[in-house]
Structure formats: structure tokens, C-alpha cells
PDB file of all heavy atoms in Angstrom:
ATOM      1  N   ALA A   1     123.344 120.965  52.499  1.00  0.00           N
ATOM      2  CA  ALA A   1     122.006 120.705  51.957  1.00  0.00           C
ATOM      3  C   ALA A   1     120.974 120.578  53.071  1.00  0.00           C
ATOM      4  O   ALA A   1     119.843 121.050  52.939  1.00  0.00           O
ATOM      5  CB  ALA A   1     122.031 119.440  51.104  1.00  0.00           C
ATOM      6  N   THR A   2     121.367 119.957  54.177  1.00  0.00           N
ATOM      7  CA  THR A   2     120.454 119.824  55.316  1.00  0.00           C
ATOM      8  C   THR A   2     120.126 121.190  55.912  1.00  0.00           C
ATOM      9  O   THR A   2     118.974 121.472  56.250  1.00  0.00           O
ATOM     10  CB  THR A   2     121.075 118.906  56.385  1.00  0.00           C
ATOM     11  OG1 THR A   2     121.329 117.628  55.803  1.00  0.00           O
ATOM     12  CG2 THR A   2     120.165 118.754  57.577  1.00  0.00           C
ATOM     13  N   ALA A   3     121.134 122.031  56.029  1.00  0.00           N
ATOM     14  CA  ALA A   3     120.905 123.382  56.570  1.00  0.00           C
ATOM     15  C   ALA A   3     119.962 124.170  55.659  1.00  0.00           C
ATOM     16  O   ALA A   3     119.029 124.829  56.139  1.00  0.00           O
ATOM     17  CB  ALA A   3     122.228 124.108  56.735  1.00  0.00           C
ATOM     18  N   LYS A   4     120.188 124.099  54.350  1.00  0.00           N
ATOM     19  CA  LYS A   4     119.321 124.834  53.425  1.00  0.00           C
ATOM     20  C   LYS A   4     117.892 124.304  53.458  1.00  0.00           C
ATOM     21  O   LYS A   4     116.937 125.086  53.474  1.00  0.00           O
ATOM     22  CB  LYS A   4     119.882 124.764  51.991  1.00  0.00           C
ATOM     23  CG  LYS A   4     121.153 125.566  51.820  1.00  0.00           C
ATOM     24  CD  LYS A   4     121.608 125.774  50.396  1.00  0.00           C
ATOM     25  CE  LYS A   4     121.533 124.611  49.481  1.00  0.00           C
ATOM     26  NZ  LYS A   4     122.145 124.855  48.162  1.00  0.00           N
ATOM     27  N   SER A   5     117.733 122.997  53.479  1.00  0.00           N
ATOM     28  CA  SER A   5     116.377 122.448  53.491  1.00  0.00           C
ATOM     29  C   SER A   5     115.668 122.746  54.811  1.00  0.00           C
ATOM     30  O   SER A   5     114.452 122.964  54.825  1.00  0.00           O
ATOM     31  CB  SER A   5     116.398 120.946  53.221  1.00  0.00           C
ATOM     32  OG  SER A   5     117.077 120.264  54.248  1.00  0.00           O
ATOM     33  N   THR A   6     116.420 122.786  55.902  1.00  0.00           N
ATOM     34  CA  THR A   6     115.824 123.135  57.193  1.00  0.00           C
ATOM     35  C   THR A   6     115.309 124.572  57.180  1.00  0.00           C
ATOM     36  O   THR A   6     114.202 124.852  57.659  1.00  0.00           O
ATOM     37  CB  THR A   6     116.841 122.943  58.323  1.00  0.00           C
ATOM     38  OG1 THR A   6     117.265 121.582  58.333  1.00  0.00           O
ATOM     39  CG2 THR A   6     116.267 123.318  59.668  1.00  0.00           C
ATOM     40  N   ILE A   7     116.090 125.473  56.620  1.00  0.00           N
ATOM     41  CA  ILE A   7     115.672 126.875  56.534  1.00  0.00           C
ATOM     42  C   ILE A   7     114.413 127.003  55.675  1.00  0.00           C
ATOM     43  O   ILE A   7     113.473 127.722  56.029  1.00  0.00           O
ATOM     44  CB  ILE A   7     116.818 127.748  55.990  1.00  0.00           C
ATOM     45  CG1 ILE A   7     117.923 127.838  57.036  1.00  0.00           C
ATOM     46  CG2 ILE A   7     116.324 129.131  55.596  1.00  0.00           C
ATOM     47  CD1 ILE A   7     119.190 128.490  56.545  1.00  0.00           C
ATOM     48  N   VAL A   8     114.386 126.296  54.544  1.00  0.00           N
ATOM     49  CA  VAL A   8     113.206 126.348  53.671  1.00  0.00           C
ATOM     50  C   VAL A   8     111.977 125.813  54.400  1.00  0.00           C
ATOM     51  O   VAL A   8     110.900 126.413  54.356  1.00  0.00           O
ATOM     52  CB  VAL A   8     113.473 125.573  52.359  1.00  0.00           C
ATOM     53  CG1 VAL A   8     112.186 125.373  51.582  1.00  0.00           C
ATOM     54  CG2 VAL A   8     114.490 126.312  51.511  1.00  0.00           C
ATOM     55  N   CYS A   9     112.131 124.685  55.081  1.00  0.00           N
ATOM     56  CA  CYS A   9     110.989 124.108  55.808  1.00  0.00           C
ATOM     57  C   CYS A   9     110.501 125.028  56.920  1.00  0.00           C
ATOM     58  O   CYS A   9     109.299 125.212  57.106  1.00  0.00           O
ATOM     59  CB  CYS A   9     111.361 122.746  56.391  1.00  0.00           C
ATOM     60  SG  CYS A   9     111.517 121.442  55.159  1.00  0.00           S
ATOM     61  N   LEU A  10     111.418 125.594  57.674  1.00  0.00           N
ATOM     62  CA  LEU A  10     111.026 126.417  58.814  1.00  0.00           C
ATOM     63  C   LEU A  10     110.340 127.710  58.400  1.00  0.00           C
ATOM     64  O   LEU A  10     109.335 128.107  59.004  1.00  0.00           O
ATOM     65  CB  LEU A  10     112.251 126.739  59.677  1.00  0.00           C
ATOM     66  CG  LEU A  10     112.818 125.594  60.497  1.00  0.00           C
ATOM     67  CD1 LEU A  10     114.073 126.045  61.234  1.00  0.00           C
ATOM     68  CD2 LEU A  10     111.796 125.061  61.475  1.00  0.00           C
ATOM     69  N   PHE A  11     110.868 128.381  57.376  1.00  0.00           N
ATOM     70  CA  PHE A  11     110.376 129.712  57.075  1.00  0.00           C
ATOM     71  C   PHE A  11     109.433 129.768  55.875  1.00  0.00           C
ATOM     72  O   PHE A  11     108.405 130.432  55.923  1.00  0.00           O
ATOM     73  CB  PHE A  11     111.536 130.677  56.891  1.00  0.00           C
ATOM     74  CG  PHE A  11     112.350 130.825  58.143  1.00  0.00           C
ATOM     75  CD1 PHE A  11     113.606 130.262  58.242  1.00  0.00           C
ATOM     76  CD2 PHE A  11     111.833 131.486  59.238  1.00  0.00           C
ATOM     77  CE1 PHE A  11     114.347 130.371  59.413  1.00  0.00           C
ATOM     78  CE2 PHE A  11     112.559 131.601  60.413  1.00  0.00           C
ATOM     79  CZ  PHE A  11     113.823 131.046  60.491  1.00  0.00           C
ATOM     80  N   PHE A  12     109.755 129.075  54.784  1.00  0.00           N
ATOM     81  CA  PHE A  12     108.895 129.147  53.607  1.00  0.00           C
ATOM     82  C   PHE A  12     107.715 128.194  53.701  1.00  0.00           C
ATOM     83  O   PHE A  12     106.682 128.427  53.083  1.00  0.00           O
ATOM     84  CB  PHE A  12     109.700 128.894  52.331  1.00  0.00           C
ATOM     85  CG  PHE A  12     110.652 130.013  52.029  1.00  0.00           C
ATOM     86  CD1 PHE A  12     112.014 129.814  52.108  1.00  0.00           C
ATOM     87  CD2 PHE A  12     110.180 131.266  51.684  1.00  0.00           C
ATOM     88  CE1 PHE A  12     112.896 130.841  51.845  1.00  0.00           C
ATOM     89  CE2 PHE A  12     111.051 132.299  51.417  1.00  0.00           C
ATOM     90  CZ  PHE A  12     112.416 132.093  51.496  1.00  0.00           C
ATOM     91  N   MET A  13     107.858 127.098  54.454  1.00  0.00           N
ATOM     92  CA  MET A  13     106.728 126.198  54.675  1.00  0.00           C
ATOM     93  C   MET A  13     106.030 126.529  55.997  1.00  0.00           C
ATOM     94  O   MET A  13     105.121 125.820  56.412  1.00  0.00           O
ATOM     95  CB  MET A  13     107.210 124.745  54.667  1.00  0.00           C
ATOM     96  CG  MET A  13     107.725 124.306  53.312  1.00  0.00           C
ATOM     97  SD  MET A  13     108.467 122.676  53.312  1.00  0.00           S
ATOM     98  CE  MET A  13     107.079 121.674  53.757  1.00  0.00           C
ATOM     99  N   HIS A  14     106.485 127.582  56.671  1.00  0.00           N
ATOM    100  CA  HIS A  14     105.865 128.119  57.883  1.00  0.00           C
ATOM    101  C   HIS A  14     105.804 127.123  59.038  1.00  0.00           C
ATOM    102  O   HIS A  14     104.859 127.134  59.823  1.00  0.00           O
ATOM    103  CB  HIS A  14     104.471 128.670  57.586  1.00  0.00           C
ATOM    104  CG  HIS A  14     104.455 129.677  56.494  1.00  0.00           C
ATOM    105  ND1 HIS A  14     104.963 130.942  56.656  1.00  0.00           N
ATOM    106  CD2 HIS A  14     104.010 129.612  55.210  1.00  0.00           C
ATOM    107  CE1 HIS A  14     104.831 131.615  55.527  1.00  0.00           C
ATOM    108  NE2 HIS A  14     104.259 130.828  54.636  1.00  0.00           N
ATOM    109  N   LEU A  15     106.806 126.263  59.164  1.00  0.00           N
ATOM    110  CA  LEU A  15     106.819 125.318  60.275  1.00  0.00           C
ATOM    111  C   LEU A  15     107.346 125.941  61.560  1.00  0.00           C
ATOM    112  O   LEU A  15     107.197 125.368  62.629  1.00  0.00           O
ATOM    113  CB  LEU A  15     107.644 124.079  59.920  1.00  0.00           C
ATOM    114  CG  LEU A  15     107.003 123.146  58.908  1.00  0.00           C
ATOM    115  CD1 LEU A  15     107.936 122.005  58.585  1.00  0.00           C
ATOM    116  CD2 LEU A  15     105.682 122.619  59.412  1.00  0.00           C
ATOM    117  N   TRP A  16     107.968 127.096  61.471  1.00  0.00           N
ATOM    118  CA  TRP A  16     108.516 127.755  62.650  1.00  0.00           C
ATOM    119  C   TRP A  16     107.424 128.066  63.673  1.00  0.00           C
ATOM    120  O   TRP A  16     107.567 127.839  64.853  1.00  0.00           O
ATOM    121  CB  TRP A  16     109.243 129.026  62.242  1.00  0.00           C
ATOM    122  CG  TRP A  16     109.877 129.733  63.397  1.00  0.00           C
ATOM    123  CD1 TRP A  16     109.389 130.811  64.065  1.00  0.00           C
ATOM    124  CD2 TRP A  16     111.104 129.401  64.020  1.00  0.00           C
ATOM    125  NE1 TRP A  16     110.243 131.183  65.051  1.00  0.00           N
ATOM    126  CE2 TRP A  16     111.317 130.326  65.056  1.00  0.00           C
ATOM    127  CE3 TRP A  16     112.063 128.424  63.815  1.00  0.00           C
ATOM    128  CZ2 TRP A  16     112.437 130.292  65.878  1.00  0.00           C
ATOM    129  CZ3 TRP A  16     113.176 128.396  64.620  1.00  0.00           C
ATOM    130  CH2 TRP A  16     113.350 129.312  65.641  1.00  0.00           C
ATOM    131  N   GLY A  17     106.301 128.572  63.217  1.00  0.00           N
ATOM    132  CA  GLY A  17     105.228 128.924  64.142  1.00  0.00           C
ATOM    133  C   GLY A  17     104.015 128.027  63.998  1.00  0.00           C
ATOM    134  O   GLY A  17     102.927 128.379  64.441  1.00  0.00           O
ATOM    135  N   ASP A  18     104.185 126.879  63.394  1.00  0.00           N
ATOM    136  CA  ASP A  18     103.059 125.977  63.148  1.00  0.00           C
ATOM    137  C   ASP A  18     102.805 125.085  64.355  1.00  0.00           C
ATOM    138  O   ASP A  18     103.510 125.142  65.362  1.00  0.00           O
ATOM    139  CB  ASP A  18     103.363 125.120  61.914  1.00  0.00           C
ATOM    140  CG  ASP A  18     102.102 124.699  61.191  1.00  0.00           C
ATOM    141  OD1 ASP A  18     101.007 124.993  61.692  1.00  0.00           O
ATOM    142  OD2 ASP A  18     102.222 124.068  60.129  1.00  0.00           O
ATOM    143  N   THR A  19     101.801 124.252  64.223  1.00  0.00           N
ATOM    144  CA  THR A  19     101.435 123.365  65.325  1.00  0.00           C
ATOM    145  C   THR A  19     102.499 122.295  65.537  1.00  0.00           C
ATOM    146  O   THR A  19     103.280 121.983  64.638  1.00  0.00           O
ATOM    147  CB  THR A  19     100.098 122.669  65.037  1.00  0.00           C
ATOM    148  OG1 THR A  19     100.243 121.845  63.884  1.00  0.00           O
ATOM    149  CG2 THR A  19      98.992 123.680  64.828  1.00  0.00           C
ATOM    150  N   ARG A  20     102.525 121.736  66.723  1.00  0.00           N
ATOM    151  CA  ARG A  20     103.496 120.702  67.071  1.00  0.00           C
ATOM    152  C   ARG A  20     103.295 119.433  66.254  1.00  0.00           C
ATOM    153  O   ARG A  20     104.239 118.699  66.009  1.00  0.00           O
ATOM    154  CB  ARG A  20     103.426 120.376  68.562  1.00  0.00           C
ATOM    155  CG  ARG A  20     103.756 121.544  69.456  1.00  0.00           C
ATOM    156  CD  ARG A  20     105.233 121.796  69.434  1.00  0.00           C
ATOM    157  NE  ARG A  20     105.538 122.887  70.343  1.00  0.00           N
ATOM    158  CZ  ARG A  20     106.446 123.800  70.076  1.00  0.00           C
ATOM    159  NH1 ARG A  20     107.114 123.767  68.966  1.00  0.00           N
ATOM    160  NH2 ARG A  20     106.684 124.757  70.937  1.00  0.00           N
ATOM    161  N   VAL A  21     102.073 119.175  65.827  1.00  0.00           N
ATOM    162  CA  VAL A  21     101.796 117.966  65.043  1.00  0.00           C
ATOM    163  C   VAL A  21     102.547 118.026  63.709  1.00  0.00           C
ATOM    164  O   VAL A  21     103.198 117.054  63.304  1.00  0.00           O
ATOM    165  CB  VAL A  21     100.279 117.795  64.817  1.00  0.00           C
ATOM    166  CG1 VAL A  21      99.995 116.654  63.872  1.00  0.00           C
ATOM    167  CG2 VAL A  21      99.565 117.597  66.131  1.00  0.00           C
ATOM    168  N   ASN A  22     102.487 119.157  63.023  1.00  0.00           N
ATOM    169  CA  ASN A  22     103.188 119.290  61.749  1.00  0.00           C
ATOM    170  C   ASN A  22     104.697 119.234  61.938  1.00  0.00           C
ATOM    171  O   ASN A  22     105.407 118.662  61.117  1.00  0.00           O
ATOM    172  CB  ASN A  22     102.782 120.578  61.051  1.00  0.00           C
ATOM    173  CG  ASN A  22     101.375 120.510  60.513  1.00  0.00           C
ATOM    174  OD1 ASN A  22     100.835 119.432  60.314  1.00  0.00           O
ATOM    175  ND2 ASN A  22     100.777 121.660  60.296  1.00  0.00           N
ATOM    176  N   GLN A  23     105.195 119.829  62.998  1.00  0.00           N
ATOM    177  CA  GLN A  23     106.626 119.762  63.281  1.00  0.00           C
ATOM    178  C   GLN A  23     107.052 118.326  63.568  1.00  0.00           C
ATOM    179  O   GLN A  23     108.105 117.873  63.113  1.00  0.00           O
ATOM    180  CB  GLN A  23     106.979 120.670  64.458  1.00  0.00           C
ATOM    181  CG  GLN A  23     106.795 122.138  64.144  1.00  0.00           C
ATOM    182  CD  GLN A  23     106.947 123.028  65.361  1.00  0.00           C
ATOM    183  OE1 GLN A  23     107.029 122.547  66.476  1.00  0.00           O
ATOM    184  NE2 GLN A  23     106.964 124.329  65.131  1.00  0.00           N
ATOM    185  N   PHE A  24     106.224 117.591  64.302  1.00  0.00           N
ATOM    186  CA  PHE A  24     106.515 116.193  64.609  1.00  0.00           C
ATOM    187  C   PHE A  24     106.539 115.348  63.334  1.00  0.00           C
ATOM    188  O   PHE A  24     107.415 114.496  63.158  1.00  0.00           O
ATOM    189  CB  PHE A  24     105.474 115.632  65.586  1.00  0.00           C
ATOM    190  CG  PHE A  24     105.631 114.175  65.868  1.00  0.00           C
ATOM    191  CD1 PHE A  24     106.673 113.714  66.653  1.00  0.00           C
ATOM    192  CD2 PHE A  24     104.741 113.256  65.323  1.00  0.00           C
ATOM    193  CE1 PHE A  24     106.825 112.362  66.905  1.00  0.00           C
ATOM    194  CE2 PHE A  24     104.885 111.908  65.571  1.00  0.00           C
ATOM    195  CZ  PHE A  24     105.934 111.457  66.360  1.00  0.00           C
ATOM    196  N   ILE A  25     105.600 115.599  62.427  1.00  0.00           N
ATOM    197  CA  ILE A  25     105.559 114.853  61.169  1.00  0.00           C
ATOM    198  C   ILE A  25     106.807 115.136  60.345  1.00  0.00           C
ATOM    199  O   ILE A  25     107.384 114.218  59.743  1.00  0.00           O
ATOM    200  CB  ILE A  25     104.268 115.186  60.393  1.00  0.00           C
ATOM    201  CG1 ILE A  25     103.064 114.595  61.123  1.00  0.00           C
ATOM    202  CG2 ILE A  25     104.339 114.682  58.963  1.00  0.00           C
ATOM    203  CD1 ILE A  25     101.737 115.016  60.565  1.00  0.00           C
ATOM    204  N   LEU A  26     107.263 116.374  60.305  1.00  0.00           N
ATOM    205  CA  LEU A  26     108.487 116.702  59.574  1.00  0.00           C
ATOM    206  C   LEU A  26     109.683 115.984  60.184  1.00  0.00           C
ATOM    207  O   LEU A  26     110.484 115.370  59.469  1.00  0.00           O
ATOM    208  CB  LEU A  26     108.728 118.204  59.556  1.00  0.00           C
ATOM    209  CG  LEU A  26     110.057 118.612  58.915  1.00  0.00           C
ATOM    210  CD1 LEU A  26     110.018 118.357  57.420  1.00  0.00           C
ATOM    211  CD2 LEU A  26     110.395 120.042  59.214  1.00  0.00           C
ATOM    212  N   ILE A  27     109.807 116.042  61.504  1.00  0.00           N
ATOM    213  CA  ILE A  27     110.936 115.392  62.172  1.00  0.00           C
ATOM    214  C   ILE A  27     110.901 113.884  61.944  1.00  0.00           C
ATOM    215  O   ILE A  27     111.917 113.249  61.657  1.00  0.00           O
ATOM    216  CB  ILE A  27     110.953 115.743  63.669  1.00  0.00           C
ATOM    217  CG1 ILE A  27     111.292 117.216  63.846  1.00  0.00           C
ATOM    218  CG2 ILE A  27     111.933 114.867  64.436  1.00  0.00           C
ATOM    219  CD1 ILE A  27     111.079 117.736  65.248  1.00  0.00           C
ATOM    220  N   LEU A  28     109.725 113.296  62.029  1.00  0.00           N
ATOM    221  CA  LEU A  28     109.574 111.867  61.794  1.00  0.00           C
ATOM    222  C   LEU A  28     109.938 111.504  60.354  1.00  0.00           C
ATOM    223  O   LEU A  28     110.594 110.479  60.114  1.00  0.00           O
ATOM    224  CB  LEU A  28     108.131 111.445  62.097  1.00  0.00           C
ATOM    225  CG  LEU A  28     107.870 109.963  62.251  1.00  0.00           C
ATOM    226  CD1 LEU A  28     108.628 109.417  63.453  1.00  0.00           C
ATOM    227  CD2 LEU A  28     106.386 109.722  62.428  1.00  0.00           C
ATOM    228  N   SER A  29     109.573 112.330  59.410  1.00  0.00           N
ATOM    229  CA  SER A  29     109.918 112.090  58.006  1.00  0.00           C
ATOM    230  C   SER A  29     111.417 112.136  57.794  1.00  0.00           C
ATOM    231  O   SER A  29     111.986 111.295  57.084  1.00  0.00           O
ATOM    232  CB  SER A  29     109.242 113.122  57.108  1.00  0.00           C
ATOM    233  OG  SER A  29     107.856 113.064  57.251  1.00  0.00           O
ATOM    234  N   VAL A  30     112.080 113.111  58.391  1.00  0.00           N
ATOM    235  CA  VAL A  30     113.531 113.225  58.257  1.00  0.00           C
ATOM    236  C   VAL A  30     114.217 112.009  58.887  1.00  0.00           C
ATOM    237  O   VAL A  30     115.157 111.447  58.310  1.00  0.00           O
ATOM    238  CB  VAL A  30     114.029 114.542  58.890  1.00  0.00           C
ATOM    239  CG1 VAL A  30     115.536 114.569  59.006  1.00  0.00           C
ATOM    240  CG2 VAL A  30     113.538 115.730  58.081  1.00  0.00           C
ATOM    241  N   LEU A  31     113.751 111.588  60.049  1.00  0.00           N
ATOM    242  CA  LEU A  31     114.334 110.403  60.680  1.00  0.00           C
ATOM    243  C   LEU A  31     114.127 109.159  59.829  1.00  0.00           C
ATOM    244  O   LEU A  31     115.006 108.296  59.742  1.00  0.00           O
ATOM    245  CB  LEU A  31     113.752 110.209  62.079  1.00  0.00           C
ATOM    246  CG  LEU A  31     114.151 111.256  63.115  1.00  0.00           C
ATOM    247  CD1 LEU A  31     113.409 111.010  64.427  1.00  0.00           C
ATOM    248  CD2 LEU A  31     115.648 111.253  63.327  1.00  0.00           C
ATOM    249  N   PHE A  32     112.973 109.045  59.169  1.00  0.00           N
ATOM    250  CA  PHE A  32     112.714 107.919  58.293  1.00  0.00           C
ATOM    251  C   PHE A  32     113.670 107.920  57.104  1.00  0.00           C
ATOM    252  O   PHE A  32     114.203 106.873  56.720  1.00  0.00           O
ATOM    253  CB  PHE A  32     111.262 107.952  57.810  1.00  0.00           C
ATOM    254  CG  PHE A  32     110.902 106.797  56.930  1.00  0.00           C
ATOM    255  CD1 PHE A  32     110.723 105.530  57.460  1.00  0.00           C
ATOM    256  CD2 PHE A  32     110.734 106.981  55.571  1.00  0.00           C
ATOM    257  CE1 PHE A  32     110.395 104.466  56.652  1.00  0.00           C
ATOM    258  CE2 PHE A  32     110.395 105.923  54.755  1.00  0.00           C
ATOM    259  CZ  PHE A  32     110.228 104.664  55.290  1.00  0.00           C
ATOM    260  N   VAL A  33     113.917 109.080  56.509  1.00  0.00           N
ATOM    261  CA  VAL A  33     114.855 109.171  55.388  1.00  0.00           C
ATOM    262  C   VAL A  33     116.261 108.794  55.849  1.00  0.00           C
ATOM    263  O   VAL A  33     116.984 108.069  55.153  1.00  0.00           O
ATOM    264  CB  VAL A  33     114.826 110.581  54.763  1.00  0.00           C
ATOM    265  CG1 VAL A  33     115.970 110.793  53.801  1.00  0.00           C
ATOM    266  CG2 VAL A  33     113.505 110.820  54.068  1.00  0.00           C
ATOM    267  N   ILE A  34     116.665 109.259  57.022  1.00  0.00           N
ATOM    268  CA  ILE A  34     117.985 108.901  57.558  1.00  0.00           C
ATOM    269  C   ILE A  34     118.078 107.397  57.769  1.00  0.00           C
ATOM    270  O   ILE A  34     119.094 106.768  57.432  1.00  0.00           O
ATOM    271  CB  ILE A  34     118.261 109.673  58.863  1.00  0.00           C
ATOM    272  CG1 ILE A  34     118.471 111.159  58.567  1.00  0.00           C
ATOM    273  CG2 ILE A  34     119.464 109.094  59.599  1.00  0.00           C
ATOM    274  CD1 ILE A  34     118.520 112.035  59.790  1.00  0.00           C
ATOM    275  N   LEU A  35     117.028 106.796  58.304  1.00  0.00           N
ATOM    276  CA  LEU A  35     117.018 105.347  58.512  1.00  0.00           C
ATOM    277  C   LEU A  35     117.145 104.597  57.194  1.00  0.00           C
ATOM    278  O   LEU A  35     117.956 103.665  57.075  1.00  0.00           O
ATOM    279  CB  LEU A  35     115.725 104.936  59.227  1.00  0.00           C
ATOM    280  CG  LEU A  35     115.508 103.428  59.383  1.00  0.00           C
ATOM    281  CD1 LEU A  35     116.507 102.862  60.387  1.00  0.00           C
ATOM    282  CD2 LEU A  35     114.087 103.144  59.809  1.00  0.00           C
ATOM    283  N   MET A  36     116.385 105.003  56.197  1.00  0.00           N
ATOM    284  CA  MET A  36     116.429 104.310  54.903  1.00  0.00           C
ATOM    285  C   MET A  36     117.796 104.472  54.231  1.00  0.00           C
ATOM    286  O   MET A  36     118.322 103.519  53.659  1.00  0.00           O
ATOM    287  CB  MET A  36     115.317 104.814  53.982  1.00  0.00           C
ATOM    288  CG  MET A  36     113.917 104.541  54.513  1.00  0.00           C
ATOM    289  SD  MET A  36     113.643 102.832  55.018  1.00  0.00           S
ATOM    290  CE  MET A  36     113.621 102.018  53.461  1.00  0.00           C
ATOM    291  N   CYS A  37     118.377 105.662  54.300  1.00  0.00           N
ATOM    292  CA  CYS A  37     119.719 105.861  53.726  1.00  0.00           C
ATOM    293  C   CYS A  37     120.754 105.033  54.479  1.00  0.00           C
ATOM    294  O   CYS A  37     121.652 104.440  53.856  1.00  0.00           O
ATOM    295  CB  CYS A  37     120.095 107.342  53.756  1.00  0.00           C
ATOM    296  SG  CYS A  37     119.158 108.346  52.600  1.00  0.00           S
ATOM    297  N   SER A  38     120.647 104.976  55.798  1.00  0.00           N
ATOM    298  CA  SER A  38     121.586 104.187  56.598  1.00  0.00           C
ATOM    299  C   SER A  38     121.492 102.711  56.261  1.00  0.00           C
ATOM    300  O   SER A  38     122.515 102.021  56.138  1.00  0.00           O
ATOM    301  CB  SER A  38     121.323 104.388  58.089  1.00  0.00           C
ATOM    302  OG  SER A  38     121.451 105.728  58.434  1.00  0.00           O
ATOM    303  N   LEU A  39     120.279 102.196  56.115  1.00  0.00           N
ATOM    304  CA  LEU A  39     120.112 100.791  55.759  1.00  0.00           C
ATOM    305  C   LEU A  39     120.651 100.493  54.368  1.00  0.00           C
ATOM    306  O   LEU A  39     121.258  99.441  54.140  1.00  0.00           O
ATOM    307  CB  LEU A  39     118.643 100.393  55.866  1.00  0.00           C
ATOM    308  CG  LEU A  39     118.057 100.367  57.278  1.00  0.00           C
ATOM    309  CD1 LEU A  39     116.565 100.093  57.231  1.00  0.00           C
ATOM    310  CD2 LEU A  39     118.762  99.334  58.136  1.00  0.00           C
ATOM    311  N   THR A  40     120.462 101.421  53.445  1.00  0.00           N
ATOM    312  CA  THR A  40     120.993 101.228  52.089  1.00  0.00           C
ATOM    313  C   THR A  40     122.511 101.211  52.098  1.00  0.00           C
ATOM    314  O   THR A  40     123.143 100.357  51.469  1.00  0.00           O
ATOM    315  CB  THR A  40     120.476 102.332  51.157  1.00  0.00           C
ATOM    316  OG1 THR A  40     119.049 102.307  51.160  1.00  0.00           O
ATOM    317  CG2 THR A  40     120.997 102.158  49.752  1.00  0.00           C
ATOM    318  N   ILE A  41     123.120 102.145  52.825  1.00  0.00           N
ATOM    319  CA  ILE A  41     124.578 102.194  52.905  1.00  0.00           C
ATOM    320  C   ILE A  41     125.117 100.944  53.589  1.00  0.00           C
ATOM    321  O   ILE A  41     126.113 100.362  53.146  1.00  0.00           O
ATOM    322  CB  ILE A  41     125.032 103.485  53.635  1.00  0.00           C
ATOM    323  CG1 ILE A  41     124.732 104.698  52.759  1.00  0.00           C
ATOM    324  CG2 ILE A  41     126.508 103.418  53.994  1.00  0.00           C
ATOM    325  CD1 ILE A  41     124.897 106.019  53.463  1.00  0.00           C
ATOM    326  N   ALA A  42     124.457 100.507  54.648  1.00  0.00           N
ATOM    327  CA  ALA A  42     124.895  99.287  55.333  1.00  0.00           C
ATOM    328  C   ALA A  42     124.794  98.082  54.410  1.00  0.00           C
ATOM    329  O   ALA A  42     125.674  97.204  54.419  1.00  0.00           O
ATOM    330  CB  ALA A  42     124.056  99.067  56.592  1.00  0.00           C
TER     331      ALA A  42
END
């Protein structure tokens, strides 16, 4: 699921050639989701 969503974000949401700010926001969002899931599991 992570691989598929990464492909969708990179190519269909055009993040592959987009500005670094948008790429940073995506990465930060993914890290936030990982943190929240980790805290819930813990």
C-alpha cells in the first residue's frame, strides 16, 4: 500500500518535479501518520 500510494503521489499528484516545499510537506505528513500509528499501537 505504501508503494502504491508513493507512486500515486509522485506521478499523479506531480510531486516528482514539484517544488521542495511540497515534497517536504508530503514527507512531514507521512512521518506524522507513522508517529500517530506508532503511538496508537504502543
